[in-house]
N, C-alpha and C. Protein backbone atom coordinates (compact mmCIF):
# COMPACT_ATOMS: atom_id res chain seq x y z
N MET A 1 -22.91 -68.72 -3.64
CA MET A 1 -23.97 -67.45 -3.49
C MET A 1 -24.45 -67.12 -5.15
N LYS A 2 -25.64 -66.67 -5.08
CA LYS A 2 -26.19 -66.30 -6.49
C LYS A 2 -25.66 -64.87 -6.76
N LYS A 3 -25.33 -64.76 -8.06
CA LYS A 3 -24.86 -63.45 -8.51
C LYS A 3 -25.88 -62.46 -8.83
N LEU A 4 -25.73 -61.26 -8.24
CA LEU A 4 -26.84 -60.42 -8.69
C LEU A 4 -26.70 -59.90 -10.08
N ASP A 5 -27.80 -59.74 -10.68
CA ASP A 5 -27.97 -58.84 -12.17
C ASP A 5 -28.11 -57.47 -11.75
N PRO A 6 -26.83 -56.45 -11.99
CA PRO A 6 -27.42 -55.03 -11.30
C PRO A 6 -28.22 -54.26 -12.28
N ARG A 7 -28.80 -55.11 -13.51
CA ARG A 7 -29.88 -54.51 -14.15
C ARG A 7 -31.38 -54.93 -13.61
N ARG A 8 -31.40 -55.84 -12.67
CA ARG A 8 -32.57 -56.42 -12.13
C ARG A 8 -32.87 -55.74 -10.73
N ILE A 9 -31.93 -55.01 -10.05
CA ILE A 9 -32.08 -54.63 -8.92
C ILE A 9 -33.04 -53.48 -8.74
N ALA A 10 -34.21 -53.49 -7.96
CA ALA A 10 -35.18 -52.68 -8.05
C ALA A 10 -34.99 -51.58 -6.88
N ALA A 11 -35.47 -50.46 -7.18
CA ALA A 11 -35.12 -49.35 -6.19
C ALA A 11 -36.12 -49.36 -4.86
N LYS A 12 -36.10 -49.78 -3.89
CA LYS A 12 -37.12 -49.94 -3.10
C LYS A 12 -37.18 -48.55 -1.92
N PRO A 13 -38.27 -47.97 -1.60
CA PRO A 13 -38.11 -46.69 -0.79
C PRO A 13 -37.30 -46.54 0.35
N GLY A 14 -37.37 -47.86 1.15
CA GLY A 14 -36.54 -48.08 2.28
C GLY A 14 -35.19 -48.00 2.14
N LEU A 15 -34.57 -48.53 0.96
CA LEU A 15 -33.47 -48.53 0.51
C LEU A 15 -32.77 -47.26 0.12
N LEU A 16 -33.51 -46.53 -0.76
CA LEU A 16 -33.15 -45.30 -1.02
C LEU A 16 -33.57 -44.00 -0.57
N GLY A 17 -34.78 -44.09 0.35
CA GLY A 17 -35.35 -43.01 0.71
C GLY A 17 -35.77 -41.98 -0.26
N LEU A 18 -35.22 -40.58 -0.03
CA LEU A 18 -35.80 -39.80 -1.06
C LEU A 18 -35.15 -39.85 -2.36
N GLY A 19 -34.05 -40.51 -2.40
CA GLY A 19 -33.53 -40.81 -3.73
C GLY A 19 -34.42 -41.35 -4.78
N CYS A 20 -35.13 -42.42 -4.04
CA CYS A 20 -36.23 -43.07 -5.11
C CYS A 20 -37.16 -42.02 -5.63
N ALA A 21 -37.57 -41.14 -4.87
CA ALA A 21 -38.52 -40.18 -5.38
C ALA A 21 -38.02 -39.38 -6.34
N ALA A 22 -36.58 -39.06 -6.20
CA ALA A 22 -36.02 -38.03 -7.32
C ALA A 22 -35.84 -38.97 -8.49
N VAL A 23 -35.30 -40.27 -8.42
CA VAL A 23 -35.21 -41.05 -9.50
C VAL A 23 -36.59 -41.07 -10.49
N LYS A 24 -37.69 -41.18 -9.71
CA LYS A 24 -38.99 -41.08 -10.24
C LYS A 24 -39.38 -39.80 -10.96
N ALA A 25 -39.10 -38.96 -10.12
CA ALA A 25 -39.23 -37.43 -10.86
C ALA A 25 -38.69 -37.06 -12.04
N LYS A 26 -37.37 -37.70 -12.09
CA LYS A 26 -36.55 -37.64 -13.33
C LYS A 26 -37.16 -38.19 -14.38
N VAL A 27 -37.76 -39.35 -14.45
CA VAL A 27 -38.45 -39.90 -15.43
C VAL A 27 -39.72 -39.36 -15.54
N GLN A 28 -40.53 -38.83 -14.67
CA GLN A 28 -41.87 -38.32 -14.91
C GLN A 28 -41.62 -36.99 -15.66
N THR A 29 -40.55 -36.29 -15.44
CA THR A 29 -40.45 -34.87 -16.33
C THR A 29 -39.88 -35.26 -17.71
N GLY A 30 -39.78 -36.40 -17.98
CA GLY A 30 -39.12 -36.69 -19.54
C GLY A 30 -37.69 -36.48 -19.50
N GLU A 31 -37.11 -36.22 -18.46
CA GLU A 31 -35.84 -35.84 -18.64
C GLU A 31 -34.82 -37.09 -19.01
N TYR A 32 -35.30 -38.42 -18.50
CA TYR A 32 -34.93 -39.65 -18.58
C TYR A 32 -35.97 -40.53 -19.14
N ALA A 33 -35.76 -41.38 -19.99
CA ALA A 33 -36.78 -42.50 -20.47
C ALA A 33 -37.24 -43.57 -19.34
N SER A 34 -36.18 -43.81 -18.31
CA SER A 34 -36.45 -44.99 -17.54
C SER A 34 -35.42 -44.54 -16.09
N GLU A 35 -36.04 -45.24 -15.10
CA GLU A 35 -35.07 -45.07 -13.85
C GLU A 35 -33.84 -45.66 -13.91
N SER A 36 -33.67 -46.51 -14.67
CA SER A 36 -32.29 -47.28 -14.83
C SER A 36 -31.40 -46.41 -15.51
N GLU A 37 -31.85 -45.45 -16.54
CA GLU A 37 -31.04 -44.59 -17.05
C GLU A 37 -30.61 -43.41 -16.14
N VAL A 38 -31.66 -43.17 -15.20
CA VAL A 38 -31.25 -42.16 -14.40
C VAL A 38 -30.13 -42.52 -13.29
N VAL A 39 -30.54 -43.73 -12.87
CA VAL A 39 -29.28 -44.81 -12.16
C VAL A 39 -27.84 -44.79 -12.72
N ARG A 40 -27.88 -45.12 -13.95
CA ARG A 40 -26.73 -45.38 -14.93
C ARG A 40 -25.84 -43.99 -14.92
N ASP A 41 -26.79 -42.97 -15.34
CA ASP A 41 -26.02 -41.59 -15.51
C ASP A 41 -25.65 -41.07 -14.08
N GLY A 42 -26.04 -41.33 -12.97
CA GLY A 42 -25.78 -40.96 -11.77
C GLY A 42 -24.31 -41.74 -11.51
N LEU A 43 -24.47 -43.06 -11.69
CA LEU A 43 -23.29 -43.77 -11.58
C LEU A 43 -22.02 -43.44 -12.38
N ARG A 44 -22.39 -42.81 -13.69
CA ARG A 44 -21.22 -42.39 -14.37
C ARG A 44 -20.62 -41.22 -13.76
N VAL A 45 -21.47 -40.21 -13.26
CA VAL A 45 -21.22 -38.91 -12.98
C VAL A 45 -20.33 -38.92 -11.54
N LEU A 46 -20.79 -39.96 -10.58
CA LEU A 46 -20.03 -40.52 -9.37
C LEU A 46 -18.87 -41.04 -9.67
N MET A 47 -18.52 -41.97 -10.74
CA MET A 47 -17.24 -42.41 -11.03
C MET A 47 -16.32 -41.21 -11.76
N ALA A 48 -16.97 -40.28 -12.46
CA ALA A 48 -16.18 -39.23 -12.99
C ALA A 48 -15.73 -38.17 -11.95
N ARG A 49 -16.59 -38.06 -10.71
CA ARG A 49 -15.97 -37.30 -9.58
C ARG A 49 -15.04 -38.18 -8.94
N ASP A 50 -15.17 -39.40 -8.70
CA ASP A 50 -14.15 -40.29 -8.24
C ASP A 50 -12.83 -40.37 -8.79
N ARG A 51 -12.78 -40.18 -9.93
CA ARG A 51 -11.41 -40.06 -10.77
C ARG A 51 -11.01 -38.93 -10.68
N ALA A 52 -11.80 -37.68 -10.71
CA ALA A 52 -11.26 -36.35 -10.57
C ALA A 52 -10.50 -36.08 -9.16
N VAL A 53 -11.22 -36.58 -8.07
CA VAL A 53 -10.56 -36.70 -6.80
C VAL A 53 -9.12 -37.42 -6.74
N GLU A 54 -9.19 -38.67 -7.22
CA GLU A 54 -7.95 -39.45 -7.25
C GLU A 54 -6.93 -38.60 -8.07
N SER A 55 -7.10 -37.90 -9.17
CA SER A 55 -6.01 -37.28 -9.88
C SER A 55 -5.71 -36.20 -9.24
N TRP A 56 -6.71 -35.37 -8.36
CA TRP A 56 -6.32 -34.34 -7.38
C TRP A 56 -5.27 -34.97 -6.49
N LEU A 57 -5.75 -35.76 -5.86
CA LEU A 57 -5.09 -36.35 -4.91
C LEU A 57 -3.49 -36.79 -5.29
N HIS A 58 -3.40 -37.59 -6.39
CA HIS A 58 -2.25 -38.00 -6.88
C HIS A 58 -1.32 -36.79 -7.56
N HIS A 59 -1.93 -35.82 -8.29
CA HIS A 59 -1.11 -34.76 -8.94
C HIS A 59 -0.83 -33.50 -8.23
N GLN A 60 -1.75 -33.41 -7.16
CA GLN A 60 -1.44 -32.11 -6.60
C GLN A 60 -1.60 -31.95 -5.12
N ALA A 61 -2.30 -32.76 -4.35
CA ALA A 61 -2.36 -32.90 -2.83
C ALA A 61 -1.25 -33.75 -2.39
N GLY A 62 -0.80 -34.90 -3.13
CA GLY A 62 0.18 -35.57 -2.67
C GLY A 62 1.68 -34.91 -2.89
N PRO A 63 1.75 -34.38 -3.79
CA PRO A 63 3.03 -33.56 -3.95
C PRO A 63 3.23 -32.34 -3.23
N ALA A 64 2.06 -31.79 -2.84
CA ALA A 64 2.15 -30.60 -2.07
C ALA A 64 2.27 -31.04 -0.36
N CYS A 65 2.03 -32.41 -0.04
CA CYS A 65 2.27 -32.76 1.20
C CYS A 65 3.95 -33.21 1.18
N ASP A 66 4.33 -33.82 0.07
CA ASP A 66 5.65 -34.28 0.03
C ASP A 66 6.67 -33.06 0.32
N ALA A 67 6.18 -32.14 -0.22
CA ALA A 67 7.01 -30.95 -0.30
C ALA A 67 7.19 -30.45 0.85
N LEU A 68 5.96 -30.23 1.64
CA LEU A 68 5.95 -29.67 2.95
C LEU A 68 6.77 -30.70 3.78
N GLN A 69 6.53 -31.79 3.80
CA GLN A 69 7.31 -32.83 4.76
C GLN A 69 8.87 -32.79 4.36
N ALA A 70 9.41 -32.46 3.10
CA ALA A 70 10.88 -32.32 2.87
C ALA A 70 11.19 -31.08 3.11
N ASP A 71 10.52 -29.90 3.20
CA ASP A 71 11.05 -28.55 3.79
C ASP A 71 9.86 -28.02 4.69
N PRO A 72 9.98 -28.40 6.08
CA PRO A 72 8.91 -27.90 6.95
C PRO A 72 9.14 -26.27 6.98
N SER A 73 9.87 -25.58 6.50
CA SER A 73 9.81 -24.35 6.59
C SER A 73 8.97 -23.57 5.75
N ARG A 74 8.52 -24.36 4.87
CA ARG A 74 7.56 -23.66 4.09
C ARG A 74 6.02 -23.72 4.54
N THR A 75 5.87 -24.46 5.81
CA THR A 75 4.38 -24.36 6.33
C THR A 75 4.24 -22.90 6.88
N VAL A 76 2.97 -22.77 7.38
CA VAL A 76 2.50 -21.61 7.94
C VAL A 76 1.52 -22.02 9.00
N SER A 77 1.81 -21.40 10.25
CA SER A 77 1.37 -21.69 11.27
C SER A 77 -0.36 -21.37 11.46
N VAL A 78 -1.06 -21.99 12.36
CA VAL A 78 -2.31 -21.61 12.43
C VAL A 78 -2.60 -20.37 12.74
N ASP A 79 -1.95 -19.90 13.87
CA ASP A 79 -2.15 -18.47 14.34
C ASP A 79 -1.62 -17.49 13.03
N ARG A 80 -0.76 -17.48 12.23
CA ARG A 80 -0.63 -16.75 11.19
C ARG A 80 -1.91 -17.03 9.97
N VAL A 81 -2.28 -18.09 9.75
CA VAL A 81 -3.68 -18.19 8.96
C VAL A 81 -4.42 -17.24 9.71
N ARG A 82 -5.04 -17.62 10.94
CA ARG A 82 -5.97 -16.92 11.42
C ARG A 82 -6.12 -15.27 11.64
N ALA A 83 -4.53 -14.75 11.70
CA ALA A 83 -4.21 -13.58 11.69
C ALA A 83 -4.70 -12.79 10.13
N HIS A 84 -4.00 -13.80 9.26
CA HIS A 84 -4.14 -13.20 7.95
C HIS A 84 -5.65 -13.33 7.66
N LEU A 85 -6.56 -14.16 7.96
CA LEU A 85 -8.09 -14.15 7.86
C LEU A 85 -8.64 -13.14 8.47
N ALA A 86 -8.39 -12.80 9.73
CA ALA A 86 -8.75 -11.69 10.29
C ALA A 86 -8.75 -10.40 9.78
N ASP A 87 -7.42 -10.00 9.17
CA ASP A 87 -7.05 -8.91 8.43
C ASP A 87 -7.83 -8.72 7.14
N GLU A 88 -8.04 -9.65 6.45
CA GLU A 88 -8.82 -9.70 5.07
C GLU A 88 -10.15 -9.45 5.71
N HIS A 89 -10.76 -10.16 6.46
CA HIS A 89 -12.08 -9.91 6.90
C HIS A 89 -12.26 -8.31 7.38
N ALA A 90 -11.53 -7.84 7.94
CA ALA A 90 -11.27 -6.42 8.37
C ALA A 90 -11.60 -5.53 7.28
N LYS A 91 -10.52 -5.83 6.27
CA LYS A 91 -10.68 -5.05 5.15
C LYS A 91 -11.84 -4.89 4.31
N ARG A 92 -12.66 -6.07 4.45
CA ARG A 92 -13.93 -5.91 3.91
C ARG A 92 -15.09 -5.18 4.42
N ARG A 93 -14.98 -4.82 5.78
CA ARG A 93 -15.95 -4.45 6.34
C ARG A 93 -16.05 -2.88 6.17
């Protein structure tokens, strides 16, 4: 199978839909020099977000889940959460 060169993949309207127009608009306003710059920057942002989510899962969500599984008495029931939210909502009225 022929290996694709990512620098040569053209954005087709059917493939990207409205995203294609957004990419073109970024170039037309002068924010970026080319469509490939827009896509590269978008991929960098996406990869940074993915790294942030992975870090959050590893450093915060995972340990919190492990702690609750180790000591279920630390959990709060759905009814208690709803009651607390209702109380907070009532205070703001």
